[in-house]
Amino acid sequence: MKNLILILLLLISINSFSQKTDEYNKFIEQIKKDSKTDKNDETVLILLNDFYEQTLQSDIGELKPDIPERIQKLYSGKNSKNLQILNMFLAYQEHISQTAAVGKQPDPNFQINLINDLESELKNTYGNVPVIIKIYKAEALNSNGQNKESAELISKSLNEFPNSIPLKVYKYLDTKGEKIKEDLVKNHSNHWMIKQFGIK
C-alpha cells in the first residue's frame, strides 16, 4: 500500500519533475528505499515482458485483464520484490497516457530522466533491459529531438530483438528500407502499428 501511495504522489507531482531536480532525485531514492530488491525474483521482469507482448507486439495492442490483476497482486503482497522497477514503469506509462488524453506532447526531459533511471535499475537488478524499455527510450530520445541517438538505439536493439515488430516499424519509418517494409506488409499487415502508420 505504501508503494501505491508513492506512485500516486509521483503522478500528482509529475509536472514538478520535468527537470532532474533534487526533488526528482529524492523521490527516485525514496522509491528504491521503500522497495525490497531481489535479483532472483523475476516477477516484475516477466510482467514487463508480458506487458510488451500484449500492448506492443500483438496485433490488437491491448492489455488483457491478467496484467492489471497481477499488478494489483504485487502491490497488495507483503513480500513483493522489485516494486521500484514497477513504480517507475507505471509512472512512465501514466505520463504518456495522461498527456495523450489531453492532447499534449509528453515532457521529453521527464521521459528521458525516468527511462534512464528505470534502465539503470533493471540492469542493476536483472542484468538486462527488456525490449519494451528500449522502445520507450527510443521514443523518448526521438521526442527530445535526439533522432540520431534514437535511430542508433533502434538498430542496436533490433540486433538483440530481431522479431520485434515495433522496432522494425521504427526502423522502417527512419530508413524507408524496402526489405523491412516487405517483411512488415507480408508478415505483420494486421499489426496495429502497421495500420496506424499506413505502411502498405
N, C-alpha and C. Protein backbone atom coordinates (compact mmCIF):
# COMPACT_ATOMS: atom_id res chain seq x y z
N MET A 1 0.82 -1.20 0.00
CA MET A 1 0.00 0.00 0.00
C MET A 1 0.87 1.27 0.00
N LYS A 2 1.96 1.17 0.76
CA LYS A 2 2.87 2.32 0.83
C LYS A 2 3.40 2.67 -0.56
N ASN A 3 3.76 1.63 -1.33
CA ASN A 3 4.28 1.86 -2.67
C ASN A 3 3.22 2.46 -3.59
N LEU A 4 1.98 2.04 -3.42
CA LEU A 4 0.89 2.58 -4.23
C LEU A 4 0.70 4.06 -3.94
N ILE A 5 0.82 4.45 -2.67
CA ILE A 5 0.71 5.86 -2.30
C ILE A 5 1.85 6.65 -2.93
N LEU A 6 3.05 6.08 -2.90
CA LEU A 6 4.20 6.76 -3.51
C LEU A 6 4.01 6.99 -5.00
N ILE A 7 3.51 5.98 -5.68
CA ILE A 7 3.31 6.13 -7.13
C ILE A 7 2.25 7.18 -7.42
N LEU A 8 1.22 7.23 -6.59
CA LEU A 8 0.18 8.25 -6.78
C LEU A 8 0.75 9.65 -6.56
N LEU A 9 1.63 9.78 -5.57
CA LEU A 9 2.27 11.08 -5.33
C LEU A 9 3.13 11.49 -6.52
N LEU A 10 3.80 10.52 -7.12
CA LEU A 10 4.61 10.83 -8.29
C LEU A 10 3.72 11.33 -9.42
N LEU A 11 2.60 10.67 -9.63
CA LEU A 11 1.72 11.05 -10.72
C LEU A 11 1.15 12.45 -10.50
N ILE A 12 0.86 12.77 -9.26
CA ILE A 12 0.34 14.10 -8.94
C ILE A 12 1.43 15.16 -9.18
N SER A 13 2.67 14.79 -8.86
CA SER A 13 3.77 15.76 -8.92
C SER A 13 4.55 15.72 -10.22
N ILE A 14 4.06 15.03 -11.21
CA ILE A 14 4.82 14.78 -12.45
C ILE A 14 5.34 16.07 -13.09
N ASN A 15 4.56 17.14 -13.06
CA ASN A 15 4.99 18.38 -13.70
C ASN A 15 6.19 19.02 -13.00
N SER A 16 6.28 18.80 -11.71
CA SER A 16 7.40 19.40 -10.98
C SER A 16 8.69 18.61 -11.19
N PHE A 17 8.57 17.44 -11.84
CA PHE A 17 9.74 16.60 -12.05
C PHE A 17 10.25 16.68 -13.49
N SER A 18 9.89 17.73 -14.20
CA SER A 18 10.32 17.85 -15.59
C SER A 18 11.84 17.84 -15.71
N GLN A 19 12.50 18.54 -14.84
CA GLN A 19 13.96 18.54 -14.85
C GLN A 19 14.44 17.59 -13.77
N LYS A 20 15.70 17.16 -13.91
CA LYS A 20 16.25 16.23 -12.92
C LYS A 20 16.67 17.03 -11.70
N THR A 21 15.69 17.48 -10.94
CA THR A 21 15.90 18.31 -9.77
C THR A 21 16.23 17.45 -8.56
N ASP A 22 16.61 18.12 -7.48
CA ASP A 22 16.84 17.42 -6.22
C ASP A 22 15.57 16.70 -5.79
N GLU A 23 14.43 17.34 -6.02
CA GLU A 23 13.15 16.75 -5.64
C GLU A 23 12.92 15.44 -6.39
N TYR A 24 13.19 15.47 -7.69
CA TYR A 24 13.05 14.25 -8.50
C TYR A 24 14.00 13.17 -8.00
N ASN A 25 15.26 13.52 -7.78
CA ASN A 25 16.26 12.55 -7.32
C ASN A 25 15.88 11.95 -5.97
N LYS A 26 15.38 12.79 -5.06
CA LYS A 26 14.97 12.30 -3.74
C LYS A 26 13.80 11.33 -3.87
N PHE A 27 12.91 11.65 -4.78
CA PHE A 27 11.75 10.78 -4.98
C PHE A 27 12.18 9.40 -5.49
N ILE A 28 13.09 9.39 -6.47
CA ILE A 28 13.59 8.11 -7.01
C ILE A 28 14.30 7.33 -5.91
N GLU A 29 15.09 8.03 -5.10
CA GLU A 29 15.78 7.38 -3.98
C GLU A 29 14.78 6.78 -3.00
N GLN A 30 13.68 7.51 -2.75
CA GLN A 30 12.65 7.02 -1.82
C GLN A 30 11.97 5.77 -2.37
N ILE A 31 11.69 5.78 -3.67
CA ILE A 31 11.08 4.59 -4.30
C ILE A 31 11.99 3.38 -4.09
N LYS A 32 13.29 3.57 -4.30
CA LYS A 32 14.23 2.46 -4.14
C LYS A 32 14.32 2.01 -2.69
N LYS A 33 14.36 3.00 -1.78
CA LYS A 33 14.48 2.71 -0.36
C LYS A 33 13.29 1.91 0.15
N ASP A 34 12.11 2.21 -0.35
CA ASP A 34 10.90 1.55 0.14
C ASP A 34 10.62 0.21 -0.54
N SER A 35 11.49 -0.21 -1.44
CA SER A 35 11.29 -1.47 -2.15
C SER A 35 12.36 -2.47 -1.75
N LYS A 36 11.96 -3.73 -1.75
CA LYS A 36 12.91 -4.81 -1.48
C LYS A 36 13.44 -5.30 -2.83
N THR A 37 14.73 -5.24 -3.00
CA THR A 37 15.34 -5.70 -4.25
C THR A 37 15.79 -7.14 -4.09
N ASP A 38 15.44 -7.96 -5.07
CA ASP A 38 15.85 -9.36 -5.08
C ASP A 38 16.17 -9.74 -6.53
N LYS A 39 17.45 -9.92 -6.80
CA LYS A 39 17.90 -10.21 -8.16
C LYS A 39 17.38 -11.54 -8.68
N ASN A 40 16.95 -12.41 -7.79
CA ASN A 40 16.45 -13.73 -8.19
C ASN A 40 14.94 -13.76 -8.42
N ASP A 41 14.25 -12.72 -8.01
CA ASP A 41 12.80 -12.66 -8.18
C ASP A 41 12.49 -11.94 -9.49
N GLU A 42 12.07 -12.70 -10.50
CA GLU A 42 11.84 -12.14 -11.84
C GLU A 42 10.37 -11.82 -12.11
N THR A 43 9.56 -11.73 -11.07
CA THR A 43 8.13 -11.48 -11.25
C THR A 43 7.88 -10.19 -12.03
N VAL A 44 8.57 -9.11 -11.65
CA VAL A 44 8.37 -7.82 -12.32
C VAL A 44 8.93 -7.87 -13.75
N LEU A 45 10.06 -8.51 -13.93
CA LEU A 45 10.65 -8.63 -15.26
C LEU A 45 9.72 -9.37 -16.21
N ILE A 46 9.14 -10.46 -15.74
CA ILE A 46 8.19 -11.24 -16.55
C ILE A 46 6.97 -10.39 -16.87
N LEU A 47 6.51 -9.62 -15.88
CA LEU A 47 5.36 -8.74 -16.08
C LEU A 47 5.63 -7.71 -17.18
N LEU A 48 6.82 -7.11 -17.18
CA LEU A 48 7.17 -6.13 -18.22
C LEU A 48 7.22 -6.78 -19.60
N ASN A 49 7.76 -7.99 -19.66
CA ASN A 49 7.82 -8.69 -20.95
C ASN A 49 6.41 -9.05 -21.44
N ASP A 50 5.55 -9.46 -20.53
CA ASP A 50 4.16 -9.78 -20.91
C ASP A 50 3.40 -8.52 -21.32
N PHE A 51 3.68 -7.41 -20.64
CA PHE A 51 3.09 -6.12 -20.99
C PHE A 51 3.45 -5.77 -22.43
N TYR A 52 4.72 -5.96 -22.76
CA TYR A 52 5.21 -5.71 -24.12
C TYR A 52 4.49 -6.60 -25.13
N GLU A 53 4.41 -7.89 -24.85
CA GLU A 53 3.79 -8.83 -25.78
C GLU A 53 2.33 -8.45 -26.06
N GLN A 54 1.64 -8.00 -25.03
CA GLN A 54 0.22 -7.67 -25.20
C GLN A 54 -0.02 -6.31 -25.83
N THR A 55 0.76 -5.31 -25.45
CA THR A 55 0.47 -3.94 -25.92
C THR A 55 1.23 -3.53 -27.17
N LEU A 56 2.43 -4.04 -27.35
CA LEU A 56 3.25 -3.59 -28.49
C LEU A 56 3.45 -4.66 -29.56
N GLN A 57 3.63 -5.90 -29.16
CA GLN A 57 3.96 -6.93 -30.13
C GLN A 57 2.71 -7.58 -30.76
N SER A 58 1.61 -7.63 -30.03
CA SER A 58 0.41 -8.29 -30.55
C SER A 58 -0.30 -7.42 -31.59
N ASP A 59 -1.10 -8.04 -32.41
CA ASP A 59 -1.81 -7.31 -33.46
C ASP A 59 -2.76 -6.26 -32.91
N ILE A 60 -3.49 -6.61 -31.83
CA ILE A 60 -4.51 -5.67 -31.33
C ILE A 60 -3.94 -4.61 -30.40
N GLY A 61 -2.83 -4.90 -29.74
CA GLY A 61 -2.18 -3.89 -28.90
C GLY A 61 -2.97 -3.48 -27.67
N GLU A 62 -3.64 -4.44 -27.05
CA GLU A 62 -4.43 -4.13 -25.85
C GLU A 62 -4.07 -5.07 -24.72
N LEU A 63 -4.11 -4.53 -23.50
CA LEU A 63 -3.86 -5.34 -22.32
C LEU A 63 -5.02 -6.28 -22.04
N LYS A 64 -4.69 -7.49 -21.66
CA LYS A 64 -5.70 -8.43 -21.18
C LYS A 64 -5.89 -8.18 -19.68
N PRO A 65 -7.00 -8.62 -19.12
CA PRO A 65 -7.26 -8.35 -17.69
C PRO A 65 -6.22 -8.91 -16.73
N ASP A 66 -5.45 -9.90 -17.16
CA ASP A 66 -4.49 -10.52 -16.24
C ASP A 66 -3.39 -9.56 -15.80
N ILE A 67 -3.00 -8.62 -16.65
CA ILE A 67 -1.90 -7.71 -16.28
C ILE A 67 -2.30 -6.81 -15.11
N PRO A 68 -3.42 -6.08 -15.19
CA PRO A 68 -3.82 -5.27 -14.02
C PRO A 68 -4.01 -6.12 -12.76
N GLU A 69 -4.50 -7.33 -12.93
CA GLU A 69 -4.69 -8.22 -11.77
C GLU A 69 -3.34 -8.58 -11.14
N ARG A 70 -2.37 -8.85 -11.98
CA ARG A 70 -1.03 -9.20 -11.47
C ARG A 70 -0.37 -8.00 -10.81
N ILE A 71 -0.59 -6.82 -11.36
CA ILE A 71 -0.04 -5.60 -10.76
C ILE A 71 -0.65 -5.39 -9.37
N GLN A 72 -1.97 -5.53 -9.29
CA GLN A 72 -2.66 -5.36 -8.01
C GLN A 72 -2.17 -6.37 -6.98
N LYS A 73 -1.94 -7.59 -7.44
CA LYS A 73 -1.45 -8.64 -6.54
C LYS A 73 -0.07 -8.29 -6.00
N LEU A 74 0.77 -7.74 -6.87
CA LEU A 74 2.11 -7.32 -6.44
C LEU A 74 2.03 -6.22 -5.38
N TYR A 75 1.17 -5.24 -5.60
CA TYR A 75 1.05 -4.13 -4.65
C TYR A 75 0.43 -4.56 -3.33
N SER A 76 -0.43 -5.55 -3.37
CA SER A 76 -1.08 -5.99 -2.13
C SER A 76 -0.24 -7.02 -1.37
N GLY A 77 0.76 -7.59 -2.02
CA GLY A 77 1.59 -8.61 -1.36
C GLY A 77 2.62 -8.00 -0.42
N LYS A 78 2.70 -8.55 0.77
CA LYS A 78 3.64 -8.03 1.78
C LYS A 78 5.09 -8.29 1.40
N ASN A 79 5.32 -9.37 0.66
CA ASN A 79 6.69 -9.76 0.34
C ASN A 79 7.07 -9.51 -1.12
N SER A 80 6.33 -8.63 -1.79
CA SER A 80 6.63 -8.34 -3.20
C SER A 80 7.99 -7.67 -3.32
N LYS A 81 8.73 -8.09 -4.35
CA LYS A 81 10.08 -7.57 -4.55
C LYS A 81 10.15 -6.73 -5.82
N ASN A 82 11.14 -5.87 -5.87
CA ASN A 82 11.48 -5.06 -7.05
C ASN A 82 10.36 -4.13 -7.49
N LEU A 83 9.59 -3.64 -6.53
CA LEU A 83 8.50 -2.72 -6.87
C LEU A 83 9.00 -1.36 -7.34
N GLN A 84 10.25 -1.02 -7.04
CA GLN A 84 10.81 0.24 -7.54
C GLN A 84 10.78 0.25 -9.06
N ILE A 85 11.02 -0.89 -9.68
CA ILE A 85 11.00 -1.00 -11.14
C ILE A 85 9.58 -0.82 -11.65
N LEU A 86 8.65 -1.49 -11.01
CA LEU A 86 7.25 -1.37 -11.42
C LEU A 86 6.74 0.05 -11.23
N ASN A 87 7.11 0.69 -10.13
CA ASN A 87 6.69 2.07 -9.87
C ASN A 87 7.18 3.02 -10.96
N MET A 88 8.44 2.88 -11.33
CA MET A 88 9.00 3.75 -12.38
C MET A 88 8.33 3.48 -13.72
N PHE A 89 8.11 2.21 -14.02
CA PHE A 89 7.48 1.83 -15.28
C PHE A 89 6.05 2.39 -15.37
N LEU A 90 5.29 2.25 -14.29
CA LEU A 90 3.91 2.74 -14.29
C LEU A 90 3.85 4.26 -14.33
N ALA A 91 4.81 4.92 -13.69
CA ALA A 91 4.86 6.38 -13.74
C ALA A 91 5.11 6.84 -15.18
N TYR A 92 5.99 6.14 -15.87
CA TYR A 92 6.27 6.46 -17.27
C TYR A 92 5.01 6.27 -18.11
N GLN A 93 4.38 5.12 -17.94
CA GLN A 93 3.15 4.82 -18.67
C GLN A 93 2.08 5.88 -18.42
N GLU A 94 1.94 6.24 -17.17
CA GLU A 94 0.91 7.20 -16.79
C GLU A 94 1.17 8.57 -17.42
N HIS A 95 2.42 8.98 -17.44
CA HIS A 95 2.76 10.27 -18.05
C HIS A 95 2.40 10.29 -19.53
N ILE A 96 2.72 9.21 -20.24
CA ILE A 96 2.41 9.12 -21.67
C ILE A 96 0.90 9.13 -21.87
N SER A 97 0.20 8.34 -21.07
CA SER A 97 -1.27 8.23 -21.21
C SER A 97 -1.98 9.54 -20.89
N GLN A 98 -1.57 10.18 -19.79
CA GLN A 98 -2.24 11.41 -19.36
C GLN A 98 -2.02 12.56 -20.33
N THR A 99 -0.81 12.69 -20.86
CA THR A 99 -0.57 13.77 -21.81
C THR A 99 -1.33 13.53 -23.11
N ALA A 100 -1.37 12.27 -23.55
CA ALA A 100 -2.10 11.93 -24.78
C ALA A 100 -3.60 12.18 -24.60
N ALA A 101 -4.10 11.90 -23.40
CA ALA A 101 -5.54 12.05 -23.13
C ALA A 101 -6.01 13.50 -23.24
N VAL A 102 -5.10 14.44 -22.97
CA VAL A 102 -5.47 15.86 -23.06
C VAL A 102 -4.87 16.53 -24.31
N GLY A 103 -4.36 15.71 -25.22
CA GLY A 103 -3.85 16.24 -26.49
C GLY A 103 -2.53 16.97 -26.40
N LYS A 104 -1.75 16.67 -25.35
CA LYS A 104 -0.44 17.31 -25.19
C LYS A 104 0.67 16.33 -25.53
N GLN A 105 1.86 16.88 -25.79
CA GLN A 105 3.04 16.06 -26.00
C GLN A 105 3.65 15.72 -24.65
N PRO A 106 4.19 14.50 -24.51
CA PRO A 106 4.87 14.16 -23.26
C PRO A 106 6.08 15.07 -23.05
N ASP A 107 6.46 15.26 -21.79
CA ASP A 107 7.63 16.06 -21.45
C ASP A 107 8.88 15.22 -21.73
N PRO A 108 9.67 15.57 -22.76
CA PRO A 108 10.82 14.74 -23.12
C PRO A 108 11.88 14.65 -22.02
N ASN A 109 12.05 15.73 -21.25
CA ASN A 109 13.03 15.69 -20.15
C ASN A 109 12.62 14.67 -19.11
N PHE A 110 11.35 14.71 -18.74
CA PHE A 110 10.85 13.74 -17.76
C PHE A 110 10.97 12.33 -18.31
N GLN A 111 10.60 12.14 -19.58
CA GLN A 111 10.68 10.82 -20.21
C GLN A 111 12.10 10.27 -20.13
N ILE A 112 13.07 11.08 -20.55
CA ILE A 112 14.46 10.61 -20.60
C ILE A 112 15.01 10.36 -19.21
N ASN A 113 14.75 11.29 -18.28
CA ASN A 113 15.23 11.09 -16.91
C ASN A 113 14.69 9.79 -16.32
N LEU A 114 13.40 9.59 -16.45
CA LEU A 114 12.77 8.42 -15.84
C LEU A 114 13.18 7.13 -16.54
N ILE A 115 13.24 7.14 -17.87
CA ILE A 115 13.59 5.92 -18.59
C ILE A 115 15.05 5.55 -18.33
N ASN A 116 15.93 6.54 -18.18
CA ASN A 116 17.33 6.25 -17.85
C ASN A 116 17.45 5.64 -16.46
N ASP A 117 16.70 6.19 -15.50
CA ASP A 117 16.72 5.63 -14.15
C ASP A 117 16.14 4.22 -14.13
N LEU A 118 15.08 4.01 -14.89
CA LEU A 118 14.46 2.70 -14.97
C LEU A 118 15.41 1.69 -15.62
N GLU A 119 16.06 2.10 -16.69
CA GLU A 119 17.02 1.25 -17.38
C GLU A 119 18.17 0.85 -16.44
N SER A 120 18.67 1.82 -15.70
CA SER A 120 19.75 1.56 -14.75
C SER A 120 19.32 0.59 -13.66
N GLU A 121 18.11 0.77 -13.16
CA GLU A 121 17.59 -0.11 -12.11
C GLU A 121 17.41 -1.54 -12.62
N LEU A 122 16.95 -1.67 -13.86
CA LEU A 122 16.79 -3.00 -14.46
C LEU A 122 18.14 -3.70 -14.64
N LYS A 123 19.13 -2.95 -15.11
CA LYS A 123 20.47 -3.52 -15.30
C LYS A 123 21.05 -3.97 -13.96
N ASN A 124 20.89 -3.11 -12.93
CA ASN A 124 21.44 -3.44 -11.61
C ASN A 124 20.74 -4.64 -10.98
N THR A 125 19.44 -4.79 -11.26
CA THR A 125 18.66 -5.85 -10.64
C THR A 125 18.73 -7.15 -11.43
N TYR A 126 18.50 -7.06 -12.74
CA TYR A 126 18.38 -8.27 -13.56
C TYR A 126 19.54 -8.49 -14.53
N GLY A 127 20.37 -7.49 -14.70
CA GLY A 127 21.49 -7.63 -15.63
C GLY A 127 21.13 -7.43 -17.08
N ASN A 128 19.87 -7.10 -17.36
CA ASN A 128 19.46 -6.83 -18.74
C ASN A 128 18.27 -5.88 -18.75
N VAL A 129 17.96 -5.41 -19.95
CA VAL A 129 16.88 -4.44 -20.12
C VAL A 129 15.86 -5.02 -21.11
N PRO A 130 14.60 -5.13 -20.72
CA PRO A 130 13.59 -5.68 -21.64
C PRO A 130 13.38 -4.79 -22.86
N VAL A 131 12.90 -5.39 -23.93
CA VAL A 131 12.71 -4.68 -25.19
C VAL A 131 11.75 -3.50 -25.04
N ILE A 132 10.75 -3.61 -24.19
CA ILE A 132 9.78 -2.51 -24.03
C ILE A 132 10.47 -1.24 -23.56
N ILE A 133 11.48 -1.39 -22.70
CA ILE A 133 12.20 -0.21 -22.18
C ILE A 133 13.07 0.39 -23.28
N LYS A 134 13.65 -0.46 -24.11
CA LYS A 134 14.46 0.03 -25.23
C LYS A 134 13.59 0.82 -26.21
N ILE A 135 12.38 0.32 -26.45
CA ILE A 135 11.45 1.02 -27.34
C ILE A 135 11.04 2.36 -26.73
N TYR A 136 10.70 2.35 -25.45
CA TYR A 136 10.31 3.60 -24.78
C TYR A 136 11.47 4.60 -24.80
N LYS A 137 12.70 4.12 -24.62
CA LYS A 137 13.84 5.03 -24.62
C LYS A 137 14.04 5.63 -26.01
N ALA A 138 13.87 4.82 -27.05
CA ALA A 138 13.99 5.33 -28.41
C ALA A 138 12.93 6.40 -28.68
N GLU A 139 11.72 6.17 -28.19
CA GLU A 139 10.64 7.16 -28.35
C GLU A 139 10.96 8.44 -27.59
N ALA A 140 11.51 8.29 -26.38
CA ALA A 140 11.86 9.46 -25.56
C ALA A 140 12.96 10.28 -26.24
N LEU A 141 13.97 9.60 -26.75
CA LEU A 141 15.05 10.29 -27.46
C LEU A 141 14.51 11.03 -28.68
N ASN A 142 13.63 10.38 -29.40
CA ASN A 142 13.01 10.99 -30.58
C ASN A 142 12.20 12.23 -30.18
N SER A 143 11.44 12.12 -29.09
CA SER A 143 10.64 13.25 -28.59
C SER A 143 11.52 14.43 -28.22
N ASN A 144 12.75 14.13 -27.80
CA ASN A 144 13.68 15.17 -27.36
C ASN A 144 14.54 15.69 -28.52
N GLY A 145 14.20 15.29 -29.75
CA GLY A 145 14.95 15.75 -30.91
C GLY A 145 16.27 15.04 -31.11
N GLN A 146 16.50 13.97 -30.37
CA GLN A 146 17.75 13.20 -30.49
C GLN A 146 17.52 12.05 -31.48
N ASN A 147 17.22 12.41 -32.71
CA ASN A 147 16.83 11.42 -33.72
C ASN A 147 17.96 10.45 -34.04
N LYS A 148 19.18 10.93 -34.10
CA LYS A 148 20.31 10.07 -34.41
C LYS A 148 20.50 9.01 -33.33
N GLU A 149 20.46 9.45 -32.06
CA GLU A 149 20.61 8.53 -30.94
C GLU A 149 19.48 7.50 -30.92
N SER A 150 18.27 7.98 -31.22
CA SER A 150 17.11 7.08 -31.28
C SER A 150 17.29 6.02 -32.36
N ALA A 151 17.72 6.44 -33.54
CA ALA A 151 17.93 5.51 -34.66
C ALA A 151 19.01 4.49 -34.34
N GLU A 152 20.08 4.95 -33.67
CA GLU A 152 21.16 4.03 -33.29
C GLU A 152 20.67 3.00 -32.28
N LEU A 153 19.87 3.45 -31.32
CA LEU A 153 19.33 2.52 -30.32
C LEU A 153 18.39 1.50 -30.97
N ILE A 154 17.58 1.95 -31.90
CA ILE A 154 16.66 1.04 -32.60
C ILE A 154 17.43 -0.02 -33.37
N SER A 155 18.46 0.39 -34.10
CA SER A 155 19.27 -0.56 -34.87
C SER A 155 19.96 -1.57 -33.96
N LYS A 156 20.53 -1.08 -32.86
CA LYS A 156 21.22 -1.95 -31.91
C LYS A 156 20.22 -2.91 -31.25
N SER A 157 19.06 -2.40 -30.90
CA SER A 157 18.04 -3.22 -30.23
C SER A 157 17.48 -4.28 -31.17
N LEU A 158 17.40 -3.95 -32.46
CA LEU A 158 16.91 -4.93 -33.45
C LEU A 158 17.86 -6.12 -33.57
N ASN A 159 19.15 -5.88 -33.36
CA ASN A 159 20.10 -6.99 -33.37
C ASN A 159 19.84 -7.93 -32.20
N GLU A 160 19.43 -7.34 -31.07
CA GLU A 160 19.15 -8.13 -29.87
C GLU A 160 17.75 -8.76 -29.92
N PHE A 161 16.79 -8.03 -30.51
CA PHE A 161 15.40 -8.50 -30.58
C PHE A 161 14.92 -8.44 -32.04
N PRO A 162 15.42 -9.33 -32.90
CA PRO A 162 15.13 -9.26 -34.34
C PRO A 162 13.68 -9.47 -34.73
N ASN A 163 12.87 -10.03 -33.82
CA ASN A 163 11.46 -10.29 -34.14
C ASN A 163 10.52 -9.21 -33.62
N SER A 164 11.06 -8.14 -33.06
CA SER A 164 10.23 -7.08 -32.50
C SER A 164 9.58 -6.25 -33.61
N ILE A 165 8.27 -6.34 -33.70
CA ILE A 165 7.54 -5.59 -34.73
C ILE A 165 7.67 -4.07 -34.52
N PRO A 166 7.49 -3.56 -33.29
CA PRO A 166 7.65 -2.11 -33.10
C PRO A 166 9.03 -1.60 -33.52
N LEU A 167 10.08 -2.34 -33.21
CA LEU A 167 11.42 -1.93 -33.61
C LEU A 167 11.55 -1.91 -35.13
N LYS A 168 10.97 -2.92 -35.79
CA LYS A 168 11.00 -2.96 -37.26
C LYS A 168 10.24 -1.77 -37.84
N VAL A 169 9.10 -1.44 -37.24
CA VAL A 169 8.30 -0.30 -37.72
C VAL A 169 9.11 0.98 -37.61
N TYR A 170 9.73 1.22 -36.44
CA TYR A 170 10.51 2.44 -36.25
C TYR A 170 11.72 2.48 -37.18
N LYS A 171 12.33 1.31 -37.40
CA LYS A 171 13.47 1.25 -38.33
C LYS A 171 13.01 1.62 -39.74
N TYR A 172 11.85 1.09 -40.14
CA TYR A 172 11.34 1.42 -41.47
C TYR A 172 11.00 2.90 -41.59
N LEU A 173 10.35 3.46 -40.58
CA LEU A 173 9.98 4.87 -40.62
C LEU A 173 11.20 5.77 -40.73
N ASP A 174 12.33 5.31 -40.15
CA ASP A 174 13.56 6.09 -40.20
C ASP A 174 14.28 5.93 -41.53
N THR A 175 14.33 4.69 -42.05
CA THR A 175 15.17 4.41 -43.22
C THR A 175 14.40 4.25 -44.53
N LYS A 176 13.09 3.95 -44.42
CA LYS A 176 12.26 3.63 -45.59
C LYS A 176 12.82 2.43 -46.36
N GLY A 177 13.49 1.53 -45.64
CA GLY A 177 14.08 0.35 -46.27
C GLY A 177 13.02 -0.59 -46.83
N GLU A 178 13.17 -0.93 -48.10
CA GLU A 178 12.19 -1.79 -48.79
C GLU A 178 12.12 -3.19 -48.20
N LYS A 179 13.26 -3.71 -47.78
CA LYS A 179 13.30 -5.07 -47.22
C LYS A 179 12.46 -5.15 -45.94
N ILE A 180 12.60 -4.16 -45.08
CA ILE A 180 11.82 -4.13 -43.83
C ILE A 180 10.34 -3.94 -44.15
N LYS A 181 10.06 -3.07 -45.11
CA LYS A 181 8.67 -2.82 -45.50
C LYS A 181 8.02 -4.11 -46.01
N GLU A 182 8.72 -4.84 -46.84
CA GLU A 182 8.19 -6.10 -47.38
C GLU A 182 7.87 -7.07 -46.26
N ASP A 183 8.78 -7.17 -45.28
CA ASP A 183 8.56 -8.06 -44.14
C ASP A 183 7.33 -7.63 -43.34
N LEU A 184 7.23 -6.34 -43.08
CA LEU A 184 6.10 -5.83 -42.29
C LEU A 184 4.78 -6.07 -43.01
N VAL A 185 4.72 -5.75 -44.28
CA VAL A 185 3.48 -5.88 -45.04
C VAL A 185 3.11 -7.35 -45.24
N LYS A 186 4.10 -8.18 -45.53
CA LYS A 186 3.83 -9.59 -45.80
C LYS A 186 3.48 -10.37 -44.54
N ASN A 187 4.22 -10.12 -43.46
CA ASN A 187 4.09 -10.95 -42.26
C ASN A 187 3.32 -10.32 -41.10
N HIS A 188 3.12 -9.00 -41.14
CA HIS A 188 2.51 -8.34 -39.98
C HIS A 188 1.45 -7.30 -40.38
N SER A 189 0.77 -7.52 -41.49
CA SER A 189 -0.14 -6.50 -42.02
C SER A 189 -1.31 -6.17 -41.09
N ASN A 190 -1.62 -7.07 -40.15
CA ASN A 190 -2.73 -6.82 -39.22
C ASN A 190 -2.29 -6.16 -37.93
N HIS A 191 -1.00 -5.90 -37.80
CA HIS A 191 -0.50 -5.29 -36.57
C HIS A 191 -0.97 -3.83 -36.47
N TRP A 192 -1.33 -3.43 -35.27
CA TRP A 192 -1.91 -2.09 -35.07
C TRP A 192 -0.96 -0.97 -35.49
N MET A 193 0.35 -1.14 -35.33
CA MET A 193 1.28 -0.08 -35.72
C MET A 193 1.39 0.03 -37.25
N ILE A 194 1.30 -1.09 -37.93
CA ILE A 194 1.33 -1.08 -39.40
C ILE A 194 0.13 -0.29 -39.92
N LYS A 195 -1.01 -0.54 -39.28
CA LYS A 195 -2.23 0.18 -39.69
C LYS A 195 -2.14 1.65 -39.31
N GLN A 196 -1.67 1.93 -38.11
CA GLN A 196 -1.59 3.31 -37.63
C GLN A 196 -0.70 4.18 -38.52
N PHE A 197 0.42 3.62 -38.96
CA PHE A 197 1.36 4.39 -39.78
C PHE A 197 1.10 4.22 -41.27
N GLY A 198 0.06 3.46 -41.63
CA GLY A 198 -0.33 3.30 -43.03
C GLY A 198 0.75 2.68 -43.89
N ILE A 199 1.44 1.68 -43.36
CA ILE A 199 2.50 1.02 -44.11
C ILE A 199 1.87 -0.02 -45.03
N LYS A 200 2.01 0.19 -46.34
CA LYS A 200 1.39 -0.70 -47.34
C LYS A 200 2.38 -1.07 -48.42
